[in-house]
Every structure is written in structure tokens, then in C-alpha cells.
């Protein structure tokens, strides 16, 4: 599940929104950094839009059902959150230990 940024696929709406940000006055470098896309890809999208060519959606995305698209999005989100968790674990260096559950035999008898 560890994929690098190459090979990502962006739908037509994402590309159009990215191009609109550039046309709105922001630089390609800024927009590419903020959206996590390469400057080359964004520059290519802007160039195609300026030439009047419609930005295409990758065939793999065009053939996806809404459920497949949602599943792909959720997997990407899980990968991102897992990376964030791993970073935090490394930052703590194992100094924080929280037991999963403590056994308290008297707890059940005090509940009403």
C-alpha cells in the first residue's frame, strides 16, 4: 500500500480546479505545492487549458463506479492517516505507554 506520488490519477474536476487557481493569479509552484501535485503536471494542465483542449480524465477513473472511487479515496485516506500515526509514534519514541484495558474485578459489582 506504500505508493510514492508517481502514478497518481486526478479526475477532471480536480484538474480544472487546479488550473482555475493558477488563472486566479497564484503561481504554478504555489498551487502544485499546496495540492501535492508535480509542477510539471500542473503546468501541462494549464497549457492544455490555454490551448482550449479539454482536460481528460484518466481512463481508469472514467471507468470507475462511484463505489470504487469512494473505496479508492478511503484507501488513500487510510494510508495518509497511517503515515501520520507512524510519524507521531517515532516522535514520541515509545515514551508514552497507555494500557489497552485495565482489569478491575470490583468494577462490575459496583455498577447498577
N, C-alpha and C. Protein backbone atom coordinates (compact mmCIF):
# COMPACT_ATOMS: atom_id res chain seq x y z
N UNK A 1 0.80 -1.18 0.00
CA UNK A 1 0.00 0.00 0.00
C UNK A 1 0.85 1.26 0.00
N UNK A 2 2.14 1.14 0.21
CA UNK A 2 3.03 2.29 0.18
C UNK A 2 3.37 2.64 -1.25
N UNK A 3 2.68 3.64 -1.77
CA UNK A 3 2.95 4.10 -3.13
C UNK A 3 3.55 5.48 -3.05
N UNK A 4 4.48 5.74 -3.94
CA UNK A 4 5.01 7.09 -3.99
C UNK A 4 4.06 7.95 -4.80
N UNK A 5 4.39 9.22 -4.97
CA UNK A 5 3.45 10.12 -5.63
C UNK A 5 3.33 9.89 -7.13
N UNK A 6 4.24 9.15 -7.73
CA UNK A 6 4.11 8.89 -9.15
C UNK A 6 3.00 7.88 -9.38
N UNK A 7 2.31 8.03 -10.46
CA UNK A 7 1.24 7.11 -10.78
C UNK A 7 -0.11 7.53 -10.24
N UNK A 8 -0.20 8.70 -9.62
CA UNK A 8 -1.48 9.17 -9.12
C UNK A 8 -2.36 9.56 -10.29
N UNK A 9 -3.65 9.43 -10.08
CA UNK A 9 -4.62 9.81 -11.11
C UNK A 9 -5.53 10.88 -10.54
N UNK A 10 -5.75 11.92 -11.31
CA UNK A 10 -6.59 13.03 -10.87
C UNK A 10 -7.79 13.14 -11.81
N UNK A 11 -8.96 13.35 -11.23
CA UNK A 11 -10.15 13.46 -12.07
C UNK A 11 -10.22 14.85 -12.71
N UNK A 12 -11.09 14.98 -13.66
CA UNK A 12 -11.22 16.22 -14.45
C UNK A 12 -11.53 17.42 -13.56
N UNK A 13 -12.41 17.23 -12.58
CA UNK A 13 -12.78 18.33 -11.69
C UNK A 13 -11.57 18.85 -10.91
N UNK A 14 -10.74 17.95 -10.41
CA UNK A 14 -9.54 18.34 -9.68
C UNK A 14 -8.62 19.17 -10.57
N UNK A 15 -8.41 18.69 -11.80
CA UNK A 15 -7.53 19.39 -12.74
C UNK A 15 -8.07 20.78 -13.06
N UNK A 16 -9.37 20.86 -13.32
CA UNK A 16 -9.98 22.16 -13.64
C UNK A 16 -9.87 23.13 -12.47
N UNK A 17 -10.06 22.64 -11.26
CA UNK A 17 -9.93 23.49 -10.07
C UNK A 17 -8.51 23.97 -9.89
N UNK A 18 -7.54 23.09 -10.16
CA UNK A 18 -6.13 23.47 -10.04
C UNK A 18 -5.78 24.54 -11.07
N UNK A 19 -6.24 24.36 -12.29
CA UNK A 19 -5.99 25.35 -13.35
C UNK A 19 -6.64 26.68 -12.98
N UNK A 20 -7.84 26.63 -12.41
CA UNK A 20 -8.53 27.86 -12.02
C UNK A 20 -7.74 28.63 -10.96
N UNK A 21 -7.09 27.92 -10.06
CA UNK A 21 -6.27 28.59 -9.05
C UNK A 21 -5.10 29.33 -9.70
N UNK A 22 -4.49 28.71 -10.70
CA UNK A 22 -3.39 29.36 -11.42
C UNK A 22 -3.90 30.56 -12.19
N UNK A 23 -5.03 30.40 -12.86
CA UNK A 23 -5.61 31.52 -13.61
C UNK A 23 -6.05 32.64 -12.69
N UNK A 24 -6.30 32.31 -11.43
CA UNK A 24 -6.72 33.31 -10.45
C UNK A 24 -5.56 34.14 -9.92
N UNK A 25 -4.35 33.87 -10.37
CA UNK A 25 -3.22 34.70 -10.01
C UNK A 25 -2.14 34.02 -9.19
N UNK A 26 -2.38 32.81 -8.74
CA UNK A 26 -1.35 32.11 -7.97
C UNK A 26 -0.35 31.47 -8.93
N UNK A 27 0.85 31.24 -8.44
CA UNK A 27 1.87 30.65 -9.30
C UNK A 27 1.68 29.14 -9.37
N UNK A 28 2.23 28.56 -10.43
CA UNK A 28 2.16 27.11 -10.59
C UNK A 28 2.88 26.43 -9.43
N UNK A 29 3.99 27.00 -9.01
CA UNK A 29 4.75 26.41 -7.91
C UNK A 29 3.93 26.38 -6.62
N UNK A 30 3.26 27.49 -6.31
CA UNK A 30 2.43 27.55 -5.10
C UNK A 30 1.30 26.52 -5.13
N UNK A 31 0.58 26.52 -6.23
CA UNK A 31 -0.58 25.63 -6.35
C UNK A 31 -0.14 24.17 -6.32
N UNK A 32 0.93 23.86 -7.04
CA UNK A 32 1.42 22.48 -7.06
C UNK A 32 1.82 22.03 -5.66
N UNK A 33 2.51 22.89 -4.94
CA UNK A 33 2.93 22.55 -3.57
C UNK A 33 1.71 22.36 -2.66
N UNK A 34 0.75 23.26 -2.74
CA UNK A 34 -0.43 23.19 -1.87
C UNK A 34 -1.30 21.97 -2.16
N UNK A 35 -1.39 21.58 -3.43
CA UNK A 35 -2.24 20.46 -3.80
C UNK A 35 -1.49 19.13 -3.81
N UNK A 36 -0.18 19.17 -3.72
CA UNK A 36 0.60 17.93 -3.71
C UNK A 36 0.74 17.28 -5.07
N UNK A 37 0.76 18.11 -6.12
CA UNK A 37 0.97 17.58 -7.47
C UNK A 37 2.30 18.12 -7.98
N UNK A 38 2.82 17.51 -9.02
CA UNK A 38 4.09 17.98 -9.56
C UNK A 38 3.87 19.27 -10.35
N UNK A 39 4.91 20.11 -10.37
CA UNK A 39 4.83 21.34 -11.15
C UNK A 39 4.67 21.02 -12.63
N UNK A 40 5.31 19.93 -13.06
CA UNK A 40 5.21 19.54 -14.47
C UNK A 40 3.76 19.21 -14.83
N UNK A 41 3.09 18.41 -14.01
CA UNK A 41 1.70 18.04 -14.31
C UNK A 41 0.81 19.26 -14.34
N UNK A 42 0.92 20.11 -13.33
CA UNK A 42 0.07 21.29 -13.27
C UNK A 42 0.35 22.21 -14.46
N UNK A 43 1.63 22.38 -14.80
CA UNK A 43 1.97 23.21 -15.96
C UNK A 43 1.38 22.64 -17.25
N UNK A 44 1.39 21.32 -17.36
CA UNK A 44 0.81 20.65 -18.52
C UNK A 44 -0.70 20.89 -18.59
N UNK A 45 -1.37 20.80 -17.45
CA UNK A 45 -2.82 21.03 -17.41
C UNK A 45 -3.15 22.47 -17.80
N UNK A 46 -2.35 23.42 -17.29
CA UNK A 46 -2.58 24.83 -17.61
C UNK A 46 -2.37 25.07 -19.10
N UNK A 47 -1.30 24.50 -19.65
CA UNK A 47 -1.01 24.66 -21.07
C UNK A 47 -2.14 24.10 -21.93
N UNK A 48 -2.62 22.92 -21.59
CA UNK A 48 -3.72 22.31 -22.36
C UNK A 48 -4.98 23.14 -22.25
N UNK A 49 -5.24 23.70 -21.09
CA UNK A 49 -6.43 24.53 -20.91
C UNK A 49 -6.31 25.81 -21.73
N UNK A 50 -5.11 26.40 -21.78
CA UNK A 50 -4.90 27.62 -22.56
C UNK A 50 -5.05 27.35 -24.06
N UNK A 51 -4.71 26.14 -24.48
CA UNK A 51 -4.85 25.77 -25.89
C UNK A 51 -6.28 25.41 -26.23
N UNK A 52 -7.15 25.43 -25.23
CA UNK A 52 -8.55 25.12 -25.46
C UNK A 52 -8.85 23.63 -25.48
N UNK A 53 -7.88 22.83 -25.12
CA UNK A 53 -8.10 21.39 -25.09
C UNK A 53 -8.76 21.03 -23.77
N UNK A 54 -9.70 20.14 -23.86
CA UNK A 54 -10.40 19.69 -22.66
C UNK A 54 -9.46 18.80 -21.84
N UNK A 55 -9.42 19.04 -20.54
CA UNK A 55 -8.60 18.20 -19.67
C UNK A 55 -9.27 16.84 -19.56
N UNK A 56 -8.47 15.83 -19.80
CA UNK A 56 -9.03 14.48 -19.82
C UNK A 56 -8.97 13.84 -18.45
N UNK A 57 -9.87 12.92 -18.27
CA UNK A 57 -9.88 12.12 -17.06
C UNK A 57 -9.21 10.80 -17.42
N UNK A 58 -8.30 10.31 -16.60
CA UNK A 58 -7.68 9.02 -16.93
C UNK A 58 -8.73 7.95 -17.14
N UNK A 59 -8.48 7.05 -18.08
CA UNK A 59 -9.46 6.00 -18.39
C UNK A 59 -9.79 5.17 -17.17
N UNK A 60 -8.80 4.96 -16.31
CA UNK A 60 -9.07 4.17 -15.12
C UNK A 60 -10.09 4.85 -14.21
N UNK A 61 -10.05 6.18 -14.15
CA UNK A 61 -11.02 6.91 -13.33
C UNK A 61 -12.37 6.99 -14.03
N UNK A 62 -12.35 7.16 -15.33
CA UNK A 62 -13.60 7.30 -16.07
C UNK A 62 -14.44 6.02 -15.99
N UNK A 63 -13.79 4.88 -15.86
CA UNK A 63 -14.50 3.61 -15.81
C UNK A 63 -14.90 3.20 -14.40
N UNK A 64 -14.48 3.95 -13.40
CA UNK A 64 -14.79 3.60 -12.02
C UNK A 64 -16.25 3.90 -11.68
N UNK A 65 -16.82 3.03 -10.90
CA UNK A 65 -18.15 3.29 -10.35
C UNK A 65 -17.97 4.22 -9.16
N UNK A 66 -19.04 4.88 -8.72
CA UNK A 66 -18.92 5.74 -7.54
C UNK A 66 -18.42 4.97 -6.31
N UNK A 67 -18.81 3.72 -6.18
CA UNK A 67 -18.36 2.92 -5.04
C UNK A 67 -16.85 2.66 -5.12
N UNK A 68 -16.36 2.36 -6.31
CA UNK A 68 -14.93 2.13 -6.49
C UNK A 68 -14.13 3.40 -6.20
N UNK A 69 -14.66 4.52 -6.64
CA UNK A 69 -13.99 5.80 -6.41
C UNK A 69 -13.93 6.10 -4.90
N UNK A 70 -15.03 5.85 -4.20
CA UNK A 70 -15.06 6.07 -2.75
C UNK A 70 -14.10 5.13 -2.04
N UNK A 71 -14.05 3.88 -2.46
CA UNK A 71 -13.13 2.92 -1.87
C UNK A 71 -11.67 3.35 -2.08
N UNK A 72 -11.36 3.83 -3.28
CA UNK A 72 -10.01 4.31 -3.57
C UNK A 72 -9.68 5.51 -2.70
N UNK A 73 -10.64 6.44 -2.55
CA UNK A 73 -10.42 7.62 -1.72
C UNK A 73 -10.19 7.22 -0.26
N UNK A 74 -10.98 6.27 0.24
CA UNK A 74 -10.84 5.83 1.63
C UNK A 74 -9.50 5.14 1.86
N UNK A 75 -9.06 4.35 0.88
CA UNK A 75 -7.75 3.71 1.00
C UNK A 75 -6.63 4.73 1.04
N UNK A 76 -6.73 5.78 0.22
CA UNK A 76 -5.72 6.83 0.22
C UNK A 76 -5.73 7.56 1.56
N UNK A 77 -6.92 7.81 2.09
CA UNK A 77 -7.02 8.48 3.37
C UNK A 77 -6.43 7.62 4.49
N UNK A 78 -6.71 6.32 4.45
CA UNK A 78 -6.15 5.40 5.45
C UNK A 78 -4.62 5.40 5.39
N UNK A 79 -4.09 5.37 4.18
CA UNK A 79 -2.63 5.39 4.01
C UNK A 79 -2.04 6.67 4.60
N UNK A 80 -2.70 7.80 4.34
CA UNK A 80 -2.24 9.10 4.86
C UNK A 80 -2.28 9.11 6.39
N UNK A 81 -3.39 8.68 6.97
CA UNK A 81 -3.53 8.68 8.42
C UNK A 81 -2.54 7.71 9.07
N UNK A 82 -2.31 6.59 8.43
CA UNK A 82 -1.33 5.63 8.96
C UNK A 82 0.07 6.23 8.96
N UNK A 83 0.42 6.95 7.90
CA UNK A 83 1.74 7.62 7.87
C UNK A 83 1.85 8.65 8.99
N UNK A 84 0.77 9.42 9.20
CA UNK A 84 0.77 10.42 10.27
C UNK A 84 0.94 9.77 11.64
N UNK A 85 0.25 8.65 11.86
CA UNK A 85 0.36 7.91 13.11
C UNK A 85 1.80 7.44 13.33
N UNK A 86 2.40 6.89 12.27
CA UNK A 86 3.77 6.39 12.37
C UNK A 86 4.75 7.51 12.70
N UNK A 87 4.53 8.68 12.13
CA UNK A 87 5.39 9.83 12.41
C UNK A 87 5.27 10.21 13.88
N UNK A 88 4.03 10.24 14.38
CA UNK A 88 3.84 10.59 15.79
C UNK A 88 4.44 9.54 16.73
N UNK A 89 4.33 8.27 16.36
CA UNK A 89 4.94 7.22 17.17
C UNK A 89 6.44 7.41 17.26
N UNK A 90 7.07 7.71 16.13
CA UNK A 90 8.52 7.91 16.11
C UNK A 90 8.90 9.14 16.93
N UNK A 91 8.07 10.18 16.84
CA UNK A 91 8.37 11.41 17.57
C UNK A 91 8.30 11.18 19.08
N UNK A 92 7.36 10.34 19.51
CA UNK A 92 7.26 10.04 20.94
C UNK A 92 8.34 9.09 21.40
N UNK A 93 8.88 8.32 20.49
CA UNK A 93 9.96 7.41 20.82
C UNK A 93 9.58 6.34 21.81
N UNK A 94 8.34 5.97 21.84
CA UNK A 94 7.90 4.91 22.73
C UNK A 94 7.82 5.34 24.18
N UNK A 95 7.90 6.66 24.45
CA UNK A 95 7.89 7.14 25.83
C UNK A 95 6.50 7.12 26.44
N UNK A 96 5.49 7.04 25.64
CA UNK A 96 4.12 7.04 26.13
C UNK A 96 3.54 5.65 25.99
N UNK A 97 3.18 5.06 27.12
CA UNK A 97 2.58 3.72 27.08
C UNK A 97 1.23 3.80 27.75
N UNK A 98 0.18 3.52 27.00
CA UNK A 98 -1.17 3.53 27.53
C UNK A 98 -1.70 2.11 27.46
N UNK A 99 -2.02 1.50 28.60
CA UNK A 99 -2.55 0.14 28.56
C UNK A 99 -3.89 0.11 27.85
N UNK A 100 -4.13 -0.96 27.11
CA UNK A 100 -5.37 -1.07 26.35
C UNK A 100 -6.58 -1.11 27.27
N UNK A 101 -6.51 -1.92 28.33
CA UNK A 101 -7.63 -2.04 29.25
C UNK A 101 -7.09 -2.57 30.57
N UNK A 102 -7.52 -1.97 31.64
CA UNK A 102 -7.09 -2.45 32.96
C UNK A 102 -8.16 -3.36 33.53
N UNK A 103 -7.71 -4.40 34.18
CA UNK A 103 -8.62 -5.34 34.80
C UNK A 103 -8.98 -4.81 36.19
N UNK A 104 -10.26 -4.64 36.44
CA UNK A 104 -10.74 -4.16 37.74
C UNK A 104 -11.87 -5.08 38.18
N UNK A 105 -11.57 -6.11 38.98
CA UNK A 105 -12.58 -7.09 39.32
C UNK A 105 -13.75 -6.49 40.10
N UNK A 106 -13.55 -5.43 40.86
CA UNK A 106 -14.64 -4.85 41.64
C UNK A 106 -15.52 -3.91 40.83
N UNK A 107 -15.11 -3.58 39.64
CA UNK A 107 -15.84 -2.62 38.83
C UNK A 107 -17.23 -3.12 38.46
N UNK A 108 -17.36 -4.36 38.06
CA UNK A 108 -18.64 -4.91 37.63
C UNK A 108 -19.66 -4.94 38.78
N UNK A 109 -19.17 -5.21 40.00
CA UNK A 109 -20.09 -5.32 41.12
C UNK A 109 -20.61 -3.97 41.58
N UNK A 110 -19.89 -2.86 41.24
CA UNK A 110 -20.34 -1.53 41.68
C UNK A 110 -21.27 -0.89 40.68
N UNK A 111 -21.40 -1.47 39.53
CA UNK A 111 -22.30 -0.90 38.51
C UNK A 111 -23.72 -1.27 38.84
N UNK A 112 -24.63 -0.36 38.54
CA UNK A 112 -26.02 -0.60 38.89
C UNK A 112 -26.90 -0.88 37.78
